[in-house]
Amino acid sequence: MIWQATIAVVGFRSTTILFPRFDRYAETPFEGTSMAAPHVAGTAALIISQGVTNPAAVEALIKATARDLGASGRDNEYGYGLIQPRIALRGVGVK
C-alpha cells in the first residue's frame, strides 16, 4: 500500500476545475498494480541511469534486492516482495 497526497474526496466534483489549494488534499492509501507499476518503472529508470542497460539485468537486480514478504520466494500475494530502490542502486555502486 502506498500513502499519497491526493485531492480530497470531500467537495470534489468531476466537472469542477480545482485550483491548487492546500486544504483540498488528503493522505490517502492506494494499492494495486496502478500504484506498483510507476514505482517499479522509476526504480528501473534509476538503475538504467547508472549504466545497467540490459533489461534482464535490470529485472534481476530489482528482484534480487526486493524485500521478501509473505511466503518465502515469489508468491501470488506479494510477487517478489517490496522493491527497495536504494538497495538496488547500492548494488550497482551508488552510495
N, C-alpha and C. Protein backbone atom coordinates (compact mmCIF):
# COMPACT_ATOMS: atom_id res chain seq x y z
N MET A 1 0.84 -1.16 0.00
CA MET A 1 0.00 0.00 0.00
C MET A 1 0.89 1.23 0.00
N ILE A 2 0.52 2.21 -0.79
CA ILE A 2 1.25 3.46 -0.91
C ILE A 2 0.38 4.58 -0.36
N TRP A 3 0.94 5.40 0.52
CA TRP A 3 0.22 6.57 1.01
C TRP A 3 0.63 7.74 0.15
N GLN A 4 -0.36 8.46 -0.34
CA GLN A 4 -0.09 9.54 -1.28
C GLN A 4 -0.97 10.73 -0.98
N ALA A 5 -0.43 11.92 -1.13
CA ALA A 5 -1.23 13.13 -1.02
C ALA A 5 -2.01 13.28 -2.32
N THR A 6 -3.31 13.37 -2.22
CA THR A 6 -4.16 13.47 -3.40
C THR A 6 -5.34 14.38 -3.11
N ILE A 7 -6.13 14.67 -4.12
CA ILE A 7 -7.28 15.55 -3.93
C ILE A 7 -8.27 14.87 -3.00
N ALA A 8 -8.71 15.60 -2.00
CA ALA A 8 -9.67 15.07 -1.02
C ALA A 8 -11.01 14.82 -1.70
N VAL A 9 -11.67 13.75 -1.32
CA VAL A 9 -12.97 13.40 -1.88
C VAL A 9 -14.02 14.42 -1.48
N VAL A 10 -13.90 14.98 -0.29
CA VAL A 10 -14.86 15.97 0.20
C VAL A 10 -14.81 17.20 -0.71
N GLY A 11 -15.95 17.58 -1.23
CA GLY A 11 -16.02 18.77 -2.06
C GLY A 11 -15.53 18.59 -3.48
N PHE A 12 -15.22 17.35 -3.88
CA PHE A 12 -14.72 17.10 -5.23
C PHE A 12 -15.87 16.78 -6.18
N ARG A 13 -15.91 17.48 -7.28
CA ARG A 13 -16.86 17.18 -8.35
C ARG A 13 -16.06 17.07 -9.64
N SER A 14 -16.32 16.04 -10.43
CA SER A 14 -15.54 15.81 -11.63
C SER A 14 -15.71 16.90 -12.67
N THR A 15 -16.75 17.72 -12.56
CA THR A 15 -17.00 18.78 -13.53
C THR A 15 -16.37 20.11 -13.11
N THR A 16 -15.73 20.14 -11.97
CA THR A 16 -15.16 21.37 -11.44
C THR A 16 -13.66 21.39 -11.64
N ILE A 17 -13.14 22.52 -12.07
CA ILE A 17 -11.70 22.69 -12.16
C ILE A 17 -11.21 23.10 -10.78
N LEU A 18 -10.24 22.35 -10.26
CA LEU A 18 -9.69 22.66 -8.94
C LEU A 18 -8.37 23.38 -9.08
N PHE A 19 -8.29 24.55 -8.50
CA PHE A 19 -7.04 25.28 -8.48
C PHE A 19 -6.27 24.83 -7.25
N PRO A 20 -4.94 24.86 -7.29
CA PRO A 20 -4.15 24.38 -6.14
C PRO A 20 -4.52 25.09 -4.85
N ARG A 21 -4.93 24.31 -3.89
CA ARG A 21 -5.23 24.79 -2.54
C ARG A 21 -4.76 23.73 -1.56
N PHE A 22 -4.06 24.14 -0.54
CA PHE A 22 -3.52 23.18 0.41
C PHE A 22 -4.59 22.52 1.27
N ASP A 23 -5.76 23.09 1.36
CA ASP A 23 -6.80 22.49 2.19
C ASP A 23 -7.65 21.47 1.43
N ARG A 24 -7.34 21.17 0.20
CA ARG A 24 -8.11 20.21 -0.58
C ARG A 24 -7.36 18.90 -0.82
N TYR A 25 -6.32 18.66 -0.07
CA TYR A 25 -5.55 17.44 -0.22
C TYR A 25 -5.65 16.58 1.03
N ALA A 26 -5.52 15.30 0.84
CA ALA A 26 -5.58 14.36 1.97
C ALA A 26 -4.58 13.24 1.73
N GLU A 27 -4.07 12.67 2.81
CA GLU A 27 -3.23 11.48 2.71
C GLU A 27 -4.16 10.29 2.51
N THR A 28 -4.00 9.59 1.41
CA THR A 28 -4.91 8.51 1.05
C THR A 28 -4.12 7.26 0.69
N PRO A 29 -4.55 6.08 1.16
CA PRO A 29 -3.84 4.85 0.78
C PRO A 29 -4.31 4.35 -0.58
N PHE A 30 -3.37 3.91 -1.40
CA PHE A 30 -3.67 3.29 -2.68
C PHE A 30 -2.90 1.98 -2.76
N GLU A 31 -3.44 1.03 -3.49
CA GLU A 31 -2.74 -0.24 -3.67
C GLU A 31 -3.08 -0.82 -5.02
N GLY A 32 -2.29 -1.80 -5.43
CA GLY A 32 -2.54 -2.48 -6.69
C GLY A 32 -1.50 -2.14 -7.74
N THR A 33 -1.70 -2.69 -8.92
CA THR A 33 -0.73 -2.52 -9.99
C THR A 33 -0.64 -1.07 -10.46
N SER A 34 -1.72 -0.30 -10.36
CA SER A 34 -1.65 1.09 -10.79
C SER A 34 -0.74 1.91 -9.90
N MET A 35 -0.48 1.47 -8.70
CA MET A 35 0.47 2.15 -7.82
C MET A 35 1.84 1.49 -7.90
N ALA A 36 1.89 0.20 -8.09
CA ALA A 36 3.17 -0.51 -8.13
C ALA A 36 3.94 -0.21 -9.42
N ALA A 37 3.25 -0.18 -10.55
CA ALA A 37 3.92 -0.02 -11.84
C ALA A 37 4.80 1.23 -11.92
N PRO A 38 4.32 2.42 -11.51
CA PRO A 38 5.21 3.58 -11.62
C PRO A 38 6.40 3.52 -10.68
N HIS A 39 6.26 2.86 -9.54
CA HIS A 39 7.39 2.74 -8.62
C HIS A 39 8.44 1.79 -9.18
N VAL A 40 8.01 0.69 -9.77
CA VAL A 40 8.96 -0.24 -10.38
C VAL A 40 9.62 0.42 -11.59
N ALA A 41 8.83 1.12 -12.40
CA ALA A 41 9.39 1.81 -13.57
C ALA A 41 10.41 2.86 -13.14
N GLY A 42 10.11 3.59 -12.08
CA GLY A 42 11.04 4.59 -11.57
C GLY A 42 12.33 3.96 -11.07
N THR A 43 12.20 2.83 -10.38
CA THR A 43 13.39 2.11 -9.91
C THR A 43 14.22 1.64 -11.09
N ALA A 44 13.56 1.10 -12.10
CA ALA A 44 14.26 0.65 -13.30
C ALA A 44 14.98 1.82 -13.98
N ALA A 45 14.31 2.96 -14.06
CA ALA A 45 14.93 4.14 -14.68
C ALA A 45 16.18 4.59 -13.92
N LEU A 46 16.11 4.55 -12.59
CA LEU A 46 17.27 4.92 -11.78
C LEU A 46 18.44 3.96 -12.02
N ILE A 47 18.12 2.68 -12.11
CA ILE A 47 19.17 1.67 -12.35
C ILE A 47 19.78 1.88 -13.74
N ILE A 48 18.93 2.11 -14.73
CA ILE A 48 19.41 2.34 -16.10
C ILE A 48 20.28 3.59 -16.15
N SER A 49 19.92 4.61 -15.38
CA SER A 49 20.71 5.85 -15.37
C SER A 49 22.11 5.62 -14.84
N GLN A 50 22.31 4.51 -14.14
CA GLN A 50 23.63 4.20 -13.59
C GLN A 50 24.43 3.27 -14.51
N GLY A 51 23.89 3.00 -15.70
CA GLY A 51 24.65 2.24 -16.69
C GLY A 51 24.24 0.79 -16.89
N VAL A 52 23.30 0.30 -16.11
CA VAL A 52 22.82 -1.08 -16.31
C VAL A 52 21.71 -0.99 -17.35
N THR A 53 22.02 -1.32 -18.59
CA THR A 53 21.05 -1.10 -19.68
C THR A 53 20.40 -2.38 -20.20
N ASN A 54 20.91 -3.52 -19.81
CA ASN A 54 20.31 -4.78 -20.24
C ASN A 54 19.01 -5.00 -19.45
N PRO A 55 17.86 -5.11 -20.13
CA PRO A 55 16.58 -5.27 -19.43
C PRO A 55 16.56 -6.45 -18.46
N ALA A 56 17.15 -7.56 -18.85
CA ALA A 56 17.17 -8.74 -17.98
C ALA A 56 17.99 -8.46 -16.72
N ALA A 57 19.08 -7.70 -16.85
CA ALA A 57 19.91 -7.36 -15.70
C ALA A 57 19.18 -6.40 -14.76
N VAL A 58 18.44 -5.46 -15.34
CA VAL A 58 17.65 -4.53 -14.51
C VAL A 58 16.60 -5.30 -13.73
N GLU A 59 15.89 -6.18 -14.41
CA GLU A 59 14.86 -7.00 -13.75
C GLU A 59 15.47 -7.87 -12.66
N ALA A 60 16.59 -8.50 -12.96
CA ALA A 60 17.25 -9.37 -11.97
C ALA A 60 17.68 -8.59 -10.74
N LEU A 61 18.18 -7.37 -10.95
CA LEU A 61 18.62 -6.54 -9.82
C LEU A 61 17.44 -6.13 -8.95
N ILE A 62 16.33 -5.76 -9.57
CA ILE A 62 15.14 -5.38 -8.81
C ILE A 62 14.64 -6.57 -8.00
N LYS A 63 14.57 -7.74 -8.62
CA LYS A 63 14.11 -8.94 -7.91
C LYS A 63 15.06 -9.34 -6.79
N ALA A 64 16.36 -9.27 -7.07
CA ALA A 64 17.35 -9.72 -6.08
C ALA A 64 17.39 -8.83 -4.85
N THR A 65 17.03 -7.55 -5.01
CA THR A 65 17.11 -6.62 -3.88
C THR A 65 15.75 -6.35 -3.24
N ALA A 66 14.70 -6.99 -3.73
CA ALA A 66 13.37 -6.81 -3.14
C ALA A 66 13.33 -7.50 -1.77
N ARG A 67 12.62 -6.89 -0.84
CA ARG A 67 12.45 -7.49 0.49
C ARG A 67 11.31 -8.48 0.40
N ASP A 68 11.60 -9.73 0.72
CA ASP A 68 10.60 -10.80 0.64
C ASP A 68 9.49 -10.57 1.64
N LEU A 69 8.26 -10.65 1.19
CA LEU A 69 7.09 -10.52 2.04
C LEU A 69 6.25 -11.78 1.91
N GLY A 70 5.50 -12.13 2.91
CA GLY A 70 4.64 -13.30 2.84
C GLY A 70 5.44 -14.59 2.80
N ALA A 71 4.94 -15.54 2.00
CA ALA A 71 5.61 -16.84 1.86
C ALA A 71 6.99 -16.63 1.25
N SER A 72 7.92 -17.51 1.59
CA SER A 72 9.28 -17.40 1.10
C SER A 72 9.32 -17.50 -0.43
N GLY A 73 10.07 -16.60 -1.05
CA GLY A 73 10.17 -16.59 -2.51
C GLY A 73 8.97 -15.89 -3.14
N ARG A 74 8.84 -16.03 -4.44
CA ARG A 74 7.73 -15.40 -5.15
C ARG A 74 6.42 -16.05 -4.75
N ASP A 75 5.41 -15.21 -4.48
CA ASP A 75 4.08 -15.74 -4.16
C ASP A 75 3.03 -14.88 -4.86
N ASN A 76 1.80 -15.37 -4.89
CA ASN A 76 0.74 -14.68 -5.62
C ASN A 76 0.25 -13.41 -4.93
N GLU A 77 0.48 -13.29 -3.63
CA GLU A 77 0.01 -12.10 -2.94
C GLU A 77 0.99 -10.93 -3.04
N TYR A 78 2.29 -11.21 -2.88
CA TYR A 78 3.29 -10.15 -2.85
C TYR A 78 4.27 -10.19 -4.02
N GLY A 79 4.14 -11.15 -4.91
CA GLY A 79 5.09 -11.28 -6.01
C GLY A 79 6.48 -11.56 -5.45
N TYR A 80 7.45 -10.75 -5.86
CA TYR A 80 8.82 -10.92 -5.36
C TYR A 80 9.06 -10.12 -4.09
N GLY A 81 8.08 -9.32 -3.69
CA GLY A 81 8.20 -8.57 -2.44
C GLY A 81 8.20 -7.07 -2.67
N LEU A 82 8.73 -6.36 -1.71
CA LEU A 82 8.77 -4.91 -1.71
C LEU A 82 10.04 -4.42 -2.39
N ILE A 83 9.89 -3.64 -3.46
CA ILE A 83 11.09 -3.12 -4.12
C ILE A 83 11.80 -2.16 -3.19
N GLN A 84 13.12 -2.14 -3.32
CA GLN A 84 13.95 -1.28 -2.47
C GLN A 84 14.95 -0.54 -3.36
N PRO A 85 14.52 0.57 -3.94
CA PRO A 85 15.37 1.29 -4.89
C PRO A 85 16.76 1.63 -4.35
N ARG A 86 16.83 2.07 -3.11
CA ARG A 86 18.13 2.45 -2.54
C ARG A 86 19.09 1.27 -2.51
N ILE A 87 18.59 0.13 -2.10
CA ILE A 87 19.44 -1.06 -2.04
C ILE A 87 19.80 -1.52 -3.46
N ALA A 88 18.84 -1.44 -4.38
CA ALA A 88 19.13 -1.81 -5.77
C ALA A 88 20.22 -0.92 -6.34
N LEU A 89 20.18 0.37 -6.06
CA LEU A 89 21.21 1.28 -6.56
C LEU A 89 22.55 1.03 -5.90
N ARG A 90 22.54 0.66 -4.65
CA ARG A 90 23.82 0.29 -4.00
C ARG A 90 24.42 -0.94 -4.66
N GLY A 91 23.55 -1.80 -5.22
CA GLY A 91 24.03 -2.99 -5.92
C GLY A 91 24.81 -2.66 -7.18
N VAL A 92 24.64 -1.46 -7.71
CA VAL A 92 25.41 -1.02 -8.88
C VAL A 92 26.43 0.05 -8.51
N GLY A 93 26.70 0.18 -7.22
CA GLY A 93 27.78 1.03 -6.76
C GLY A 93 27.39 2.44 -6.34
N VAL A 94 26.11 2.77 -6.34
CA VAL A 94 25.68 4.10 -5.92
C VAL A 94 25.52 4.09 -4.40
N LYS A 95 26.11 5.04 -3.73
CA LYS A 95 26.04 5.11 -2.27
C LYS A 95 24.98 6.08 -1.82
